[in-house]
Amino acid sequence: MISDLQEHECYELLSSTTVGRIGFVRDGQVHILPMNYRMTDRGLLLRTSSSGVLRRLAGDDSAVSFEVDFHDDLGGTGWSVLMHGTLRIVSEEEPPETQTPPSPWAGPDRETPLRFTIDSITGRRVRRERH
């Protein structure tokens, strides 16, 4: 059985974990990369390298998506939250509590802080029926 999540449920679930996938189109192909993140005021904070593709996307208002999910095979449950939005570089003028992204799992060369601004958010919960 699949059910839609309310917006507040989506934000609660986003706060329960720290890893998702960012998706974008580049050179006519869809790319999906795992990213760790930190929630902040209806947005996500990320880190990338100063020469990486996400840094370039943050400068050109490209549409990006971010997806976070969870599943429990034994319990037969799961959920997924999908966001659409844009990336921008976090400015030094922003309040300190809103500009500190997580430590990057991908390595110390990810020194550029990014903000993923959520323009839309949807979610679904799934539960396997027991027979």
C-alpha atoms as a PDB file:
ATOM      1  CA  MET A   1       0.000   0.000   0.000  1.00  0.00           C
ATOM      2  CA  ILE A   2       1.371   3.422  -0.995  1.00  0.00           C
ATOM      3  CA  SER A   3       0.284   6.678   0.616  1.00  0.00           C
ATOM      4  CA  ASP A   4       1.304  10.290   0.093  1.00  0.00           C
ATOM      5  CA  LEU A   5       3.056  12.148   2.897  1.00  0.00           C
ATOM      6  CA  GLN A   6       2.028  15.579   4.127  1.00  0.00           C
ATOM      7  CA  GLU A   7       4.641  18.336   3.799  1.00  0.00           C
ATOM      8  CA  HIS A   8       5.365  18.439   7.544  1.00  0.00           C
ATOM      9  CA  GLU A   9       5.923  14.650   7.513  1.00  0.00           C
ATOM     10  CA  CYS A  10       8.445  15.049   4.694  1.00  0.00           C
ATOM     11  CA  TYR A  11      10.432  17.596   6.728  1.00  0.00           C
ATOM     12  CA  GLU A  12      10.316  15.357   9.817  1.00  0.00           C
ATOM     13  CA  LEU A  13      11.695  12.424   7.823  1.00  0.00           C
ATOM     14  CA  LEU A  14      14.449  14.585   6.293  1.00  0.00           C
ATOM     15  CA  SER A  15      15.559  15.400   9.841  1.00  0.00           C
ATOM     16  CA  SER A  16      15.867  11.696  10.684  1.00  0.00           C
ATOM     17  CA  THR A  17      18.851  10.976   8.440  1.00  0.00           C
ATOM     18  CA  THR A  18      21.807  12.715   6.768  1.00  0.00           C
ATOM     19  CA  VAL A  19      22.412  11.077   3.386  1.00  0.00           C
ATOM     20  CA  GLY A  20      20.515  11.446   0.124  1.00  0.00           C
ATOM     21  CA  ARG A  21      21.078  11.753  -3.612  1.00  0.00           C
ATOM     22  CA  ILE A  22      21.292  14.896  -5.705  1.00  0.00           C
ATOM     23  CA  GLY A  23      20.127  14.699  -9.314  1.00  0.00           C
ATOM     24  CA  PHE A  24      20.755  17.033 -12.227  1.00  0.00           C
ATOM     25  CA  VAL A  25      21.039  17.051 -16.013  1.00  0.00           C
ATOM     26  CA  ARG A  26      24.455  17.674 -17.556  1.00  0.00           C
ATOM     27  CA  ASP A  27      25.405  17.266 -21.194  1.00  0.00           C
ATOM     28  CA  GLY A  28      21.982  15.773 -21.917  1.00  0.00           C
ATOM     29  CA  GLN A  29      22.302  13.003 -19.316  1.00  0.00           C
ATOM     30  CA  VAL A  30      20.823  12.589 -15.849  1.00  0.00           C
ATOM     31  CA  HIS A  31      23.446  12.363 -13.078  1.00  0.00           C
ATOM     32  CA  ILE A  32      22.711  11.208  -9.542  1.00  0.00           C
ATOM     33  CA  LEU A  33      25.306  11.554  -6.773  1.00  0.00           C
ATOM     34  CA  PRO A  34      25.155  10.497  -3.118  1.00  0.00           C
ATOM     35  CA  MET A  35      25.583  13.429  -0.711  1.00  0.00           C
ATOM     36  CA  ASN A  36      25.498  13.917   2.998  1.00  0.00           C
ATOM     37  CA  TYR A  37      23.500  16.936   4.122  1.00  0.00           C
ATOM     38  CA  ARG A  38      22.295  18.969   7.072  1.00  0.00           C
ATOM     39  CA  MET A  39      18.753  20.351   7.377  1.00  0.00           C
ATOM     40  CA  THR A  40      18.193  24.051   7.982  1.00  0.00           C
ATOM     41  CA  ASP A  41      15.044  26.171   7.744  1.00  0.00           C
ATOM     42  CA  ARG A  42      13.324  24.479   4.787  1.00  0.00           C
ATOM     43  CA  GLY A  43      16.597  23.824   3.002  1.00  0.00           C
ATOM     44  CA  LEU A  44      19.659  21.603   2.938  1.00  0.00           C
ATOM     45  CA  LEU A  45      23.317  22.437   3.431  1.00  0.00           C
ATOM     46  CA  LEU A  46      25.900  20.517   1.407  1.00  0.00           C
ATOM     47  CA  ARG A  47      29.606  20.718   0.567  1.00  0.00           C
ATOM     48  CA  THR A  48      31.331  20.341  -2.778  1.00  0.00           C
ATOM     49  CA  SER A  49      34.743  20.915  -4.287  1.00  0.00           C
ATOM     50  CA  SER A  50      35.547  24.357  -5.678  1.00  0.00           C
ATOM     51  CA  SER A  51      35.985  22.880  -9.155  1.00  0.00           C
ATOM     52  CA  GLY A  52      33.153  20.336  -9.071  1.00  0.00           C
ATOM     53  CA  VAL A  53      30.018  20.146 -11.180  1.00  0.00           C
ATOM     54  CA  LEU A  54      27.795  21.107  -8.233  1.00  0.00           C
ATOM     55  CA  ARG A  55      29.807  24.299  -7.755  1.00  0.00           C
ATOM     56  CA  ARG A  56      29.140  25.172 -11.395  1.00  0.00           C
ATOM     57  CA  LEU A  57      25.426  24.353 -11.049  1.00  0.00           C
ATOM     58  CA  ALA A  58      25.237  26.694  -8.052  1.00  0.00           C
ATOM     59  CA  GLY A  59      26.275  29.568 -10.269  1.00  0.00           C
ATOM     60  CA  ASP A  60      23.795  29.162 -13.108  1.00  0.00           C
ATOM     61  CA  ASP A  61      20.339  28.637 -11.502  1.00  0.00           C
ATOM     62  CA  SER A  62      20.072  25.097 -12.860  1.00  0.00           C
ATOM     63  CA  ALA A  63      17.197  22.990 -11.575  1.00  0.00           C
ATOM     64  CA  VAL A  64      18.301  20.155  -9.316  1.00  0.00           C
ATOM     65  CA  SER A  65      16.508  17.453  -7.346  1.00  0.00           C
ATOM     66  CA  PHE A  66      17.345  15.817  -4.037  1.00  0.00           C
ATOM     67  CA  GLU A  67      15.939  12.499  -2.857  1.00  0.00           C
ATOM     68  CA  VAL A  68      16.132  10.838   0.545  1.00  0.00           C
ATOM     69  CA  ASP A  69      14.665   7.456   1.381  1.00  0.00           C
ATOM     70  CA  PHE A  70      14.571   4.584   3.837  1.00  0.00           C
ATOM     71  CA  HIS A  71      13.414   0.996   3.642  1.00  0.00           C
ATOM     72  CA  ASP A  72      13.048  -1.860   6.089  1.00  0.00           C
ATOM     73  CA  ASP A  73      13.058  -5.123   4.162  1.00  0.00           C
ATOM     74  CA  LEU A  74      12.073  -7.264   7.125  1.00  0.00           C
ATOM     75  CA  GLY A  75       9.283  -4.966   8.262  1.00  0.00           C
ATOM     76  CA  GLY A  76       8.045  -4.339   4.736  1.00  0.00           C
ATOM     77  CA  THR A  77       7.998  -0.558   5.103  1.00  0.00           C
ATOM     78  CA  GLY A  78       9.715   2.376   3.493  1.00  0.00           C
ATOM     79  CA  TRP A  79       9.472   6.026   2.571  1.00  0.00           C
ATOM     80  CA  SER A  80      10.843   8.447   0.022  1.00  0.00           C
ATOM     81  CA  VAL A  81      11.025  12.253  -0.022  1.00  0.00           C
ATOM     82  CA  LEU A  82      11.724  14.103  -3.278  1.00  0.00           C
ATOM     83  CA  MET A  83      12.608  17.782  -3.489  1.00  0.00           C
ATOM     84  CA  HIS A  84      13.084  20.095  -6.453  1.00  0.00           C
ATOM     85  CA  GLY A  85      14.995  23.325  -6.135  1.00  0.00           C
ATOM     86  CA  THR A  86      18.185  25.230  -6.821  1.00  0.00           C
ATOM     87  CA  LEU A  87      21.724  25.399  -5.480  1.00  0.00           C
ATOM     88  CA  ARG A  88      23.665  28.458  -4.451  1.00  0.00           C
ATOM     89  CA  ILE A  89      26.924  29.088  -2.650  1.00  0.00           C
ATOM     90  CA  VAL A  90      26.472  29.979   1.019  1.00  0.00           C
ATOM     91  CA  SER A  91      27.603  33.556   1.598  1.00  0.00           C
ATOM     92  CA  GLU A  92      29.698  34.659   4.547  1.00  0.00           C
ATOM     93  CA  GLU A  93      27.046  37.281   5.363  1.00  0.00           C
ATOM     94  CA  GLU A  94      24.523  34.630   6.370  1.00  0.00           C
ATOM     95  CA  PRO A  95      24.041  33.924  10.092  1.00  0.00           C
ATOM     96  CA  PRO A  96      26.671  31.400  11.280  1.00  0.00           C
ATOM     97  CA  GLU A  97      24.051  28.839  12.342  1.00  0.00           C
ATOM     98  CA  THR A  98      22.677  28.710   8.795  1.00  0.00           C
ATOM     99  CA  GLN A  99      25.959  28.503   6.911  1.00  0.00           C
ATOM    100  CA  THR A 100      27.733  25.479   8.395  1.00  0.00           C
ATOM    101  CA  PRO A 101      27.298  22.436   6.149  1.00  0.00           C
ATOM    102  CA  PRO A 102      28.124  18.921   7.335  1.00  0.00           C
ATOM    103  CA  SER A 103      31.623  17.497   7.203  1.00  0.00           C
ATOM    104  CA  PRO A 104      31.834  15.868   3.781  1.00  0.00           C
ATOM    105  CA  TRP A 105      32.106  12.098   3.715  1.00  0.00           C
ATOM    106  CA  ALA A 106      33.681  12.323   0.256  1.00  0.00           C
ATOM    107  CA  GLY A 107      36.873  13.968   1.503  1.00  0.00           C
ATOM    108  CA  PRO A 108      38.437  17.185   2.748  1.00  0.00           C
ATOM    109  CA  ASP A 109      38.638  18.822  -0.692  1.00  0.00           C
ATOM    110  CA  ARG A 110      34.888  19.604  -0.458  1.00  0.00           C
ATOM    111  CA  GLU A 111      35.372  23.088   0.981  1.00  0.00           C
ATOM    112  CA  THR A 112      32.616  24.994  -0.861  1.00  0.00           C
ATOM    113  CA  PRO A 113      29.385  25.253   1.189  1.00  0.00           C
ATOM    114  CA  LEU A 114      26.145  25.058  -0.808  1.00  0.00           C
ATOM    115  CA  ARG A 115      22.521  25.630   0.049  1.00  0.00           C
ATOM    116  CA  PHE A 116      19.826  23.586  -1.663  1.00  0.00           C
ATOM    117  CA  THR A 117      16.704  25.753  -1.566  1.00  0.00           C
ATOM    118  CA  ILE A 118      13.577  23.609  -1.655  1.00  0.00           C
ATOM    119  CA  ASP A 119      10.988  24.881  -4.133  1.00  0.00           C
ATOM    120  CA  SER A 120       8.742  21.811  -3.884  1.00  0.00           C
ATOM    121  CA  ILE A 121       8.671  18.707  -1.713  1.00  0.00           C
ATOM    122  CA  THR A 122       6.652  15.488  -1.952  1.00  0.00           C
ATOM    123  CA  GLY A 123       6.850  12.160  -0.234  1.00  0.00           C
ATOM    124  CA  ARG A 124       5.424   8.679  -0.208  1.00  0.00           C
ATOM    125  CA  ARG A 125       5.249   5.910   2.346  1.00  0.00           C
ATOM    126  CA  VAL A 126       4.945   2.260   1.375  1.00  0.00           C
ATOM    127  CA  ARG A 127       3.873  -0.689   3.478  1.00  0.00           C
ATOM    128  CA  ARG A 128       3.828  -4.255   2.208  1.00  0.00           C
ATOM    129  CA  GLU A 129       0.562  -6.024   2.826  1.00  0.00           C
ATOM    130  CA  ARG A 130       0.827  -9.145   4.945  1.00  0.00           C
ATOM    131  CA  HIS A 131      -0.836 -12.286   3.604  1.00  0.00           C
END
